[in-house]
Amino acid sequence: MRILTINPNTNISFNKALEKTAEKYALSTTTVKVISPDSGPQSIEGSYDEALSVTATVKTFLEHQTDYDGFIIACYSDHLSTYAIREITEKPVIGIAEASVMVACTLGDRFSIVTTNDRWKPLLREAVEKYGVRSRCASVRTTGMSVAALKEESEEVVREKIEREALAAIEKDGAEVICLGCAGMTGFDKELEKKTGVPVLDGFVCALKLIELYHQYGITHSKRRRYSAPLGKKLKGFSEIFLSACKK
């Protein structure tokens, strides 16, 4: 199968790291392409950045949709484009936050998310509430780093900060599973798993394996209500490509 991963920010260094992870975990019959929109914020650090990135992410999907069998939105926010794209395709689409949280709930009683800066705490608590598993979330812990710092700081410094918060989540908050709360944390999972002694989940890998499962099993999102196609309407100031997604 062919999977397109859309990284909603424009930092292509993240894309290269995700492609490296995909090479390690994808089935031999799966090919994974990672791209970013042509416009948007260099990193997504909150709701404003996310809002700026949504239209370009949907446009990127529309430009490439025919070439792929499934899609991953590689942002650990509960990115609106994930839901928008589910409305305009019959192919499976999943975001990395939802993927890791749902997998975490099968691996332990309670999980914690370790993410970047403090503003993500309320945003990810809202996301967990939306996923219906708030009681299973032990905590959302932050490293104090910006998203960009994941690539600007040395790998050793980044790893130490993530490890510190993961251990605190386990020892103080009662977490039994750790979710890495940023696409830029890809590749840190297995070493951290050895250090902590609990499952550590890379949201991108979780999304990749779920998309493969959906494809092999022949299932996708229900189009009955929530993800039914958007109704046709006039779109002022938008390119024609967006009109193609609406019902006639």
C-alpha atoms as a PDB file:
ATOM      1  CA  MET A   1       0.000   0.000   0.000  1.00  0.00           C
ATOM      2  CA  ARG A   2       0.978   3.651  -0.380  1.00  0.00           C
ATOM      3  CA  ILE A   3       0.734   6.023   2.597  1.00  0.00           C
ATOM      4  CA  LEU A   4       1.088   9.786   2.428  1.00  0.00           C
ATOM      5  CA  THR A   5       2.169  11.498   5.631  1.00  0.00           C
ATOM      6  CA  ILE A   6       1.454  15.216   5.753  1.00  0.00           C
ATOM      7  CA  ASN A   7       3.480  17.164   8.291  1.00  0.00           C
ATOM      8  CA  PRO A   8       1.376  20.342   8.759  1.00  0.00           C
ATOM      9  CA  ASN A   9       4.406  22.476   9.592  1.00  0.00           C
ATOM     10  CA  THR A  10       7.016  23.504   7.036  1.00  0.00           C
ATOM     11  CA  ASN A  11      10.102  22.165   8.834  1.00  0.00           C
ATOM     12  CA  ILE A  12      11.348  19.511   6.410  1.00  0.00           C
ATOM     13  CA  SER A  13      13.987  18.246   8.852  1.00  0.00           C
ATOM     14  CA  PHE A  14      11.095  16.559  10.679  1.00  0.00           C
ATOM     15  CA  ASN A  15      10.062  14.904   7.413  1.00  0.00           C
ATOM     16  CA  LYS A  16      13.435  13.255   6.979  1.00  0.00           C
ATOM     17  CA  ALA A  17      13.288  11.869  10.518  1.00  0.00           C
ATOM     18  CA  LEU A  18       9.796  10.484   9.924  1.00  0.00           C
ATOM     19  CA  GLU A  19      10.867   8.834   6.661  1.00  0.00           C
ATOM     20  CA  LYS A  20      13.733   7.160   8.526  1.00  0.00           C
ATOM     21  CA  THR A  21      11.264   5.809  11.100  1.00  0.00           C
ATOM     22  CA  ALA A  22       8.941   4.611   8.336  1.00  0.00           C
ATOM     23  CA  GLU A  23      11.781   2.664   6.717  1.00  0.00           C
ATOM     24  CA  LYS A  24      12.262   0.836  10.010  1.00  0.00           C
ATOM     25  CA  TYR A  25       8.622  -0.057  10.768  1.00  0.00           C
ATOM     26  CA  ALA A  26       6.612  -0.157   7.536  1.00  0.00           C
ATOM     27  CA  LEU A  27       5.791  -3.520   5.986  1.00  0.00           C
ATOM     28  CA  SER A  28       7.810  -4.481   2.926  1.00  0.00           C
ATOM     29  CA  THR A  29       4.644  -4.003   0.869  1.00  0.00           C
ATOM     30  CA  THR A  30       4.150  -0.441   2.175  1.00  0.00           C
ATOM     31  CA  THR A  31       5.705   2.742   0.827  1.00  0.00           C
ATOM     32  CA  VAL A  32       5.562   5.950   2.875  1.00  0.00           C
ATOM     33  CA  LYS A  33       6.035   9.485   1.579  1.00  0.00           C
ATOM     34  CA  VAL A  34       6.369  12.433   3.979  1.00  0.00           C
ATOM     35  CA  ILE A  35       5.673  15.966   2.766  1.00  0.00           C
ATOM     36  CA  SER A  36       4.784  19.400   4.112  1.00  0.00           C
ATOM     37  CA  PRO A  37       2.509  22.115   2.708  1.00  0.00           C
ATOM     38  CA  ASP A  38       4.088  24.870   0.640  1.00  0.00           C
ATOM     39  CA  SER A  39       2.942  27.481   3.150  1.00  0.00           C
ATOM     40  CA  GLY A  40       2.374  27.627   6.875  1.00  0.00           C
ATOM     41  CA  PRO A  41       4.197  27.959  10.198  1.00  0.00           C
ATOM     42  CA  GLN A  42       7.635  26.418  10.648  1.00  0.00           C
ATOM     43  CA  SER A  43       6.393  24.770  13.826  1.00  0.00           C
ATOM     44  CA  ILE A  44       3.014  24.328  15.482  1.00  0.00           C
ATOM     45  CA  GLU A  45       3.149  25.562  19.062  1.00  0.00           C
ATOM     46  CA  GLY A  46      -0.529  26.204  19.770  1.00  0.00           C
ATOM     47  CA  SER A  47      -3.996  26.887  18.385  1.00  0.00           C
ATOM     48  CA  TYR A  48      -3.022  29.917  16.291  1.00  0.00           C
ATOM     49  CA  ASP A  49      -0.271  28.011  14.490  1.00  0.00           C
ATOM     50  CA  GLU A  50      -2.622  25.083  13.967  1.00  0.00           C
ATOM     51  CA  ALA A  51      -5.299  27.341  12.495  1.00  0.00           C
ATOM     52  CA  LEU A  52      -2.787  28.798  10.048  1.00  0.00           C
ATOM     53  CA  SER A  53      -1.751  25.325   8.931  1.00  0.00           C
ATOM     54  CA  VAL A  54      -5.158  23.720   8.353  1.00  0.00           C
ATOM     55  CA  THR A  55      -6.100  25.053   4.898  1.00  0.00           C
ATOM     56  CA  ALA A  56      -2.667  24.345   3.430  1.00  0.00           C
ATOM     57  CA  THR A  57      -2.727  20.819   4.872  1.00  0.00           C
ATOM     58  CA  VAL A  58      -6.118  20.093   3.298  1.00  0.00           C
ATOM     59  CA  LYS A  59      -4.904  21.554  -0.013  1.00  0.00           C
ATOM     60  CA  THR A  60      -1.842  19.305   0.100  1.00  0.00           C
ATOM     61  CA  PHE A  61      -4.112  16.299   0.562  1.00  0.00           C
ATOM     62  CA  LEU A  62      -6.334  17.331  -2.358  1.00  0.00           C
ATOM     63  CA  GLU A  63      -3.314  17.679  -4.614  1.00  0.00           C
ATOM     64  CA  HIS A  64      -2.025  14.164  -3.838  1.00  0.00           C
ATOM     65  CA  GLN A  65      -5.063  12.111  -2.826  1.00  0.00           C
ATOM     66  CA  THR A  66      -5.329   9.922  -5.920  1.00  0.00           C
ATOM     67  CA  ASP A  67      -1.817   8.521  -5.521  1.00  0.00           C
ATOM     68  CA  TYR A  68      -2.193   7.058  -2.017  1.00  0.00           C
ATOM     69  CA  ASP A  69      -4.245   4.493  -0.084  1.00  0.00           C
ATOM     70  CA  GLY A  70      -4.129   6.097   3.361  1.00  0.00           C
ATOM     71  CA  PHE A  71      -3.042   9.296   5.080  1.00  0.00           C
ATOM     72  CA  ILE A  72      -1.303  10.299   8.319  1.00  0.00           C
ATOM     73  CA  ILE A  73      -1.450  13.810   9.783  1.00  0.00           C
ATOM     74  CA  ALA A  74       1.879  14.121  11.589  1.00  0.00           C
ATOM     75  CA  CYS A  75       1.063  16.718  14.224  1.00  0.00           C
ATOM     76  CA  TYR A  76       0.460  15.834  17.862  1.00  0.00           C
ATOM     77  CA  SER A  77      -2.253  18.450  18.195  1.00  0.00           C
ATOM     78  CA  ASP A  78      -5.791  17.208  17.616  1.00  0.00           C
ATOM     79  CA  HIS A  79      -5.349  18.736  14.160  1.00  0.00           C
ATOM     80  CA  LEU A  80      -8.604  19.866  12.540  1.00  0.00           C
ATOM     81  CA  SER A  81      -7.387  18.801   9.099  1.00  0.00           C
ATOM     82  CA  THR A  82      -7.645  15.148  10.188  1.00  0.00           C
ATOM     83  CA  TYR A  83     -11.423  15.437  10.547  1.00  0.00           C
ATOM     84  CA  ALA A  84     -11.839  17.666   7.509  1.00  0.00           C
ATOM     85  CA  ILE A  85      -9.994  15.205   5.285  1.00  0.00           C
ATOM     86  CA  ARG A  86     -12.059  12.284   6.613  1.00  0.00           C
ATOM     87  CA  GLU A  87     -15.116  14.118   5.256  1.00  0.00           C
ATOM     88  CA  ILE A  88     -13.674  14.378   1.735  1.00  0.00           C
ATOM     89  CA  THR A  89     -12.191  10.918   1.260  1.00  0.00           C
ATOM     90  CA  GLU A  90     -13.212   7.302   1.679  1.00  0.00           C
ATOM     91  CA  LYS A  91      -9.625   6.321   2.466  1.00  0.00           C
ATOM     92  CA  PRO A  92      -8.373   6.011   6.074  1.00  0.00           C
ATOM     93  CA  VAL A  93      -6.911   9.119   7.713  1.00  0.00           C
ATOM     94  CA  ILE A  94      -5.439   9.262  11.211  1.00  0.00           C
ATOM     95  CA  GLY A  95      -3.571  11.758  13.360  1.00  0.00           C
ATOM     96  CA  ILE A  96      -0.594  10.711  15.433  1.00  0.00           C
ATOM     97  CA  ALA A  97      -2.020  11.888  18.779  1.00  0.00           C
ATOM     98  CA  GLU A  98      -5.247   9.906  18.470  1.00  0.00           C
ATOM     99  CA  ALA A  99      -3.305   6.861  17.235  1.00  0.00           C
ATOM    100  CA  SER A 100      -0.908   6.760  20.182  1.00  0.00           C
ATOM    101  CA  VAL A 101      -3.574   7.466  22.805  1.00  0.00           C
ATOM    102  CA  MET A 102      -5.813   4.688  21.525  1.00  0.00           C
ATOM    103  CA  VAL A 103      -2.938   2.205  21.359  1.00  0.00           C
ATOM    104  CA  ALA A 104      -1.799   3.254  24.860  1.00  0.00           C
ATOM    105  CA  CYS A 105      -5.187   2.332  26.290  1.00  0.00           C
ATOM    106  CA  THR A 106      -4.641  -1.274  25.185  1.00  0.00           C
ATOM    107  CA  LEU A 107      -1.220  -1.516  26.862  1.00  0.00           C
ATOM    108  CA  GLY A 108      -1.819  -0.261  30.387  1.00  0.00           C
ATOM    109  CA  ASP A 109      -4.395   1.138  32.763  1.00  0.00           C
ATOM    110  CA  ARG A 110      -3.159   4.730  32.535  1.00  0.00           C
ATOM    111  CA  PHE A 111      -0.883   6.619  30.148  1.00  0.00           C
ATOM    112  CA  SER A 112       0.949   9.941  30.206  1.00  0.00           C
ATOM    113  CA  ILE A 113       1.886  12.227  27.337  1.00  0.00           C
ATOM    114  CA  VAL A 114       5.325  13.847  27.342  1.00  0.00           C
ATOM    115  CA  THR A 115       5.336  16.850  25.019  1.00  0.00           C
ATOM    116  CA  THR A 116       7.147  20.143  24.408  1.00  0.00           C
ATOM    117  CA  ASN A 117       6.017  23.467  25.925  1.00  0.00           C
ATOM    118  CA  ASP A 118       3.511  24.165  28.709  1.00  0.00           C
ATOM    119  CA  ARG A 119       0.791  25.567  26.458  1.00  0.00           C
ATOM    120  CA  TRP A 120       0.221  22.011  25.196  1.00  0.00           C
ATOM    121  CA  LYS A 121      -1.036  20.857  28.592  1.00  0.00           C
ATOM    122  CA  PRO A 122      -4.586  22.225  28.258  1.00  0.00           C
ATOM    123  CA  LEU A 123      -4.720  21.477  24.528  1.00  0.00           C
ATOM    124  CA  LEU A 124      -3.800  17.829  24.960  1.00  0.00           C
ATOM    125  CA  ARG A 125      -6.100  17.424  27.961  1.00  0.00           C
ATOM    126  CA  GLU A 126      -8.900  18.670  25.692  1.00  0.00           C
ATOM    127  CA  ALA A 127      -7.853  16.170  23.025  1.00  0.00           C
ATOM    128  CA  VAL A 128      -7.860  13.255  25.465  1.00  0.00           C
ATOM    129  CA  GLU A 129     -11.308  14.337  26.660  1.00  0.00           C
ATOM    130  CA  LYS A 130     -12.500  14.390  23.062  1.00  0.00           C
ATOM    131  CA  TYR A 131     -11.147  10.872  22.484  1.00  0.00           C
ATOM    132  CA  GLY A 132     -13.241   9.710  25.449  1.00  0.00           C
ATOM    133  CA  VAL A 133     -10.352   8.429  27.569  1.00  0.00           C
ATOM    134  CA  ARG A 134      -9.756  11.268  30.045  1.00  0.00           C
ATOM    135  CA  SER A 135      -9.915   8.886  33.023  1.00  0.00           C
ATOM    136  CA  ARG A 136      -7.101   6.831  31.500  1.00  0.00           C
ATOM    137  CA  CYS A 137      -4.713   9.803  31.202  1.00  0.00           C
ATOM    138  CA  ALA A 138      -2.427  10.038  34.244  1.00  0.00           C
ATOM    139  CA  SER A 139      -0.851  13.332  33.151  1.00  0.00           C
ATOM    140  CA  VAL A 140       0.420  15.585  30.410  1.00  0.00           C
ATOM    141  CA  ARG A 141       4.014  16.528  31.146  1.00  0.00           C
ATOM    142  CA  THR A 142       6.171  19.027  29.279  1.00  0.00           C
ATOM    143  CA  THR A 143       9.906  19.327  28.691  1.00  0.00           C
ATOM    144  CA  GLY A 144       9.854  23.128  28.406  1.00  0.00           C
ATOM    145  CA  MET A 145      11.319  22.966  24.906  1.00  0.00           C
ATOM    146  CA  SER A 146       9.853  24.508  21.805  1.00  0.00           C
ATOM    147  CA  VAL A 147       9.053  22.189  18.902  1.00  0.00           C
ATOM    148  CA  ALA A 148      11.925  23.707  16.919  1.00  0.00           C
ATOM    149  CA  ALA A 149      14.333  22.980  19.789  1.00  0.00           C
ATOM    150  CA  LEU A 150      13.878  19.243  19.211  1.00  0.00           C
ATOM    151  CA  LYS A 151      16.128  19.690  16.178  1.00  0.00           C
ATOM    152  CA  GLU A 152      18.184  22.652  17.399  1.00  0.00           C
ATOM    153  CA  GLU A 153      19.288  21.115  20.716  1.00  0.00           C
ATOM    154  CA  SER A 154      21.665  18.172  20.858  1.00  0.00           C
ATOM    155  CA  GLU A 155      20.033  14.765  20.746  1.00  0.00           C
ATOM    156  CA  GLU A 156      21.485  13.990  24.182  1.00  0.00           C
ATOM    157  CA  VAL A 157      19.895  17.066  25.769  1.00  0.00           C
ATOM    158  CA  VAL A 158      16.524  16.347  24.167  1.00  0.00           C
ATOM    159  CA  ARG A 159      16.617  12.715  25.273  1.00  0.00           C
ATOM    160  CA  GLU A 160      17.490  13.658  28.861  1.00  0.00           C
ATOM    161  CA  LYS A 161      14.595  16.106  29.115  1.00  0.00           C
ATOM    162  CA  ILE A 162      12.096  13.610  27.725  1.00  0.00           C
ATOM    163  CA  GLU A 163      13.437  10.870  30.008  1.00  0.00           C
ATOM    164  CA  ARG A 164      13.170  13.104  33.072  1.00  0.00           C
ATOM    165  CA  GLU A 165       9.487  13.834  32.459  1.00  0.00           C
ATOM    166  CA  ALA A 166       8.683  10.243  31.484  1.00  0.00           C
ATOM    167  CA  LEU A 167      10.165   8.915  34.724  1.00  0.00           C
ATOM    168  CA  ALA A 168       8.247  11.527  36.726  1.00  0.00           C
ATOM    169  CA  ALA A 169       5.033  10.501  34.968  1.00  0.00           C
ATOM    170  CA  ILE A 170       5.634   6.873  35.929  1.00  0.00           C
ATOM    171  CA  GLU A 171       6.834   7.430  39.495  1.00  0.00           C
ATOM    172  CA  LYS A 172       4.645  10.372  40.541  1.00  0.00           C
ATOM    173  CA  ASP A 173       1.565  10.213  38.313  1.00  0.00           C
ATOM    174  CA  GLY A 174       1.048   6.468  38.026  1.00  0.00           C
ATOM    175  CA  ALA A 175       1.564   6.182  34.265  1.00  0.00           C
ATOM    176  CA  GLU A 176       2.074   2.694  32.852  1.00  0.00           C
ATOM    177  CA  VAL A 177       2.543   3.799  29.226  1.00  0.00           C
ATOM    178  CA  ILE A 178       4.270   6.882  27.801  1.00  0.00           C
ATOM    179  CA  CYS A 179       3.148   8.648  24.625  1.00  0.00           C
ATOM    180  CA  LEU A 180       5.730  10.869  22.952  1.00  0.00           C
ATOM    181  CA  GLY A 181       3.766  14.050  22.316  1.00  0.00           C
ATOM    182  CA  CYS A 182       5.389  15.487  19.215  1.00  0.00           C
ATOM    183  CA  ALA A 183       6.251  14.231  15.725  1.00  0.00           C
ATOM    184  CA  GLY A 184       9.733  15.647  16.299  1.00  0.00           C
ATOM    185  CA  MET A 185      10.279  13.069  19.052  1.00  0.00           C
ATOM    186  CA  THR A 186      10.259  10.196  16.572  1.00  0.00           C
ATOM    187  CA  GLY A 187      13.109   7.767  17.116  1.00  0.00           C
ATOM    188  CA  PHE A 188      13.359   8.256  20.888  1.00  0.00           C
ATOM    189  CA  ASP A 189      10.888   5.522  21.804  1.00  0.00           C
ATOM    190  CA  LYS A 190      12.914   2.329  22.077  1.00  0.00           C
ATOM    191  CA  GLU A 191      15.851   3.698  24.063  1.00  0.00           C
ATOM    192  CA  LEU A 192      13.427   5.421  26.424  1.00  0.00           C
ATOM    193  CA  GLU A 193      11.496   2.176  26.775  1.00  0.00           C
ATOM    194  CA  LYS A 194      14.664   0.495  28.048  1.00  0.00           C
ATOM    195  CA  LYS A 195      15.295   3.312  30.527  1.00  0.00           C
ATOM    196  CA  THR A 196      11.755   3.426  31.915  1.00  0.00           C
ATOM    197  CA  GLY A 197      10.672  -0.208  31.740  1.00  0.00           C
ATOM    198  CA  VAL A 198       7.250   0.651  30.292  1.00  0.00           C
ATOM    199  CA  PRO A 199       5.894   0.837  26.714  1.00  0.00           C
ATOM    200  CA  VAL A 200       6.848   4.111  25.004  1.00  0.00           C
ATOM    201  CA  LEU A 201       4.815   5.017  21.937  1.00  0.00           C
ATOM    202  CA  ASP A 202       5.861   6.993  18.885  1.00  0.00           C
ATOM    203  CA  GLY A 203       2.577   8.390  17.571  1.00  0.00           C
ATOM    204  CA  PHE A 204       3.786   8.244  13.977  1.00  0.00           C
ATOM    205  CA  VAL A 205       4.536   4.521  14.227  1.00  0.00           C
ATOM    206  CA  CYS A 206       1.138   3.895  15.847  1.00  0.00           C
ATOM    207  CA  ALA A 207      -0.593   5.764  13.019  1.00  0.00           C
ATOM    208  CA  LEU A 208       1.441   3.925  10.378  1.00  0.00           C
ATOM    209  CA  LYS A 209       0.566   0.491  11.745  1.00  0.00           C
ATOM    210  CA  LEU A 210      -3.118   1.386  12.156  1.00  0.00           C
ATOM    211  CA  ILE A 211      -3.340   2.608   8.560  1.00  0.00           C
ATOM    212  CA  GLU A 212      -1.758  -0.660   7.407  1.00  0.00           C
ATOM    213  CA  LEU A 213      -4.291  -2.565   9.525  1.00  0.00           C
ATOM    214  CA  TYR A 214      -7.240  -0.650   8.083  1.00  0.00           C
ATOM    215  CA  HIS A 215      -6.013  -1.219   4.546  1.00  0.00           C
ATOM    216  CA  GLN A 216      -5.361  -4.935   5.010  1.00  0.00           C
ATOM    217  CA  TYR A 217      -8.675  -5.400   6.828  1.00  0.00           C
ATOM    218  CA  GLY A 218     -10.538  -3.408   4.191  1.00  0.00           C
ATOM    219  CA  ILE A 219     -12.077  -0.856   6.568  1.00  0.00           C
ATOM    220  CA  THR A 220     -12.269   2.921   6.690  1.00  0.00           C
ATOM    221  CA  HIS A 221     -14.224   5.687   8.413  1.00  0.00           C
ATOM    222  CA  SER A 222     -18.013   5.557   8.406  1.00  0.00           C
ATOM    223  CA  LYS A 223     -19.595   8.076   6.038  1.00  0.00           C
ATOM    224  CA  ARG A 224     -22.982   7.846   7.739  1.00  0.00           C
ATOM    225  CA  ARG A 225     -22.973  11.133   9.689  1.00  0.00           C
ATOM    226  CA  ARG A 226     -19.793  12.529  11.242  1.00  0.00           C
ATOM    227  CA  TYR A 227     -17.608  12.079   8.178  1.00  0.00           C
ATOM    228  CA  SER A 228     -20.203  12.492   5.433  1.00  0.00           C
ATOM    229  CA  ALA A 229     -19.117  14.679   2.521  1.00  0.00           C
ATOM    230  CA  PRO A 230     -19.396  18.455   2.962  1.00  0.00           C
ATOM    231  CA  LEU A 231     -22.380  20.091   1.285  1.00  0.00           C
ATOM    232  CA  GLY A 232     -21.852  22.072  -1.891  1.00  0.00           C
ATOM    233  CA  LYS A 233     -21.591  25.845  -1.420  1.00  0.00           C
ATOM    234  CA  LYS A 234     -19.867  28.901  -2.802  1.00  0.00           C
ATOM    235  CA  LEU A 235     -16.320  29.373  -1.557  1.00  0.00           C
ATOM    236  CA  LYS A 236     -15.123  32.938  -1.818  1.00  0.00           C
ATOM    237  CA  GLY A 237     -11.428  33.463  -2.385  1.00  0.00           C
ATOM    238  CA  PHE A 238     -10.515  29.756  -2.528  1.00  0.00           C
ATOM    239  CA  SER A 239      -8.972  27.905  -5.446  1.00  0.00           C
ATOM    240  CA  GLU A 240     -11.093  25.533  -7.504  1.00  0.00           C
ATOM    241  CA  ILE A 241      -9.408  22.501  -5.941  1.00  0.00           C
ATOM    242  CA  PHE A 242     -11.446  22.999  -2.746  1.00  0.00           C
ATOM    243  CA  LEU A 243     -14.731  22.919  -4.657  1.00  0.00           C
ATOM    244  CA  SER A 244     -13.918  19.427  -5.898  1.00  0.00           C
ATOM    245  CA  ALA A 245     -14.346  18.068  -2.360  1.00  0.00           C
ATOM    246  CA  CYS A 246     -17.950  19.273  -1.934  1.00  0.00           C
ATOM    247  CA  LYS A 247     -21.142  17.493  -2.908  1.00  0.00           C
ATOM    248  CA  LYS A 248     -22.615  18.826  -6.138  1.00  0.00           C
END
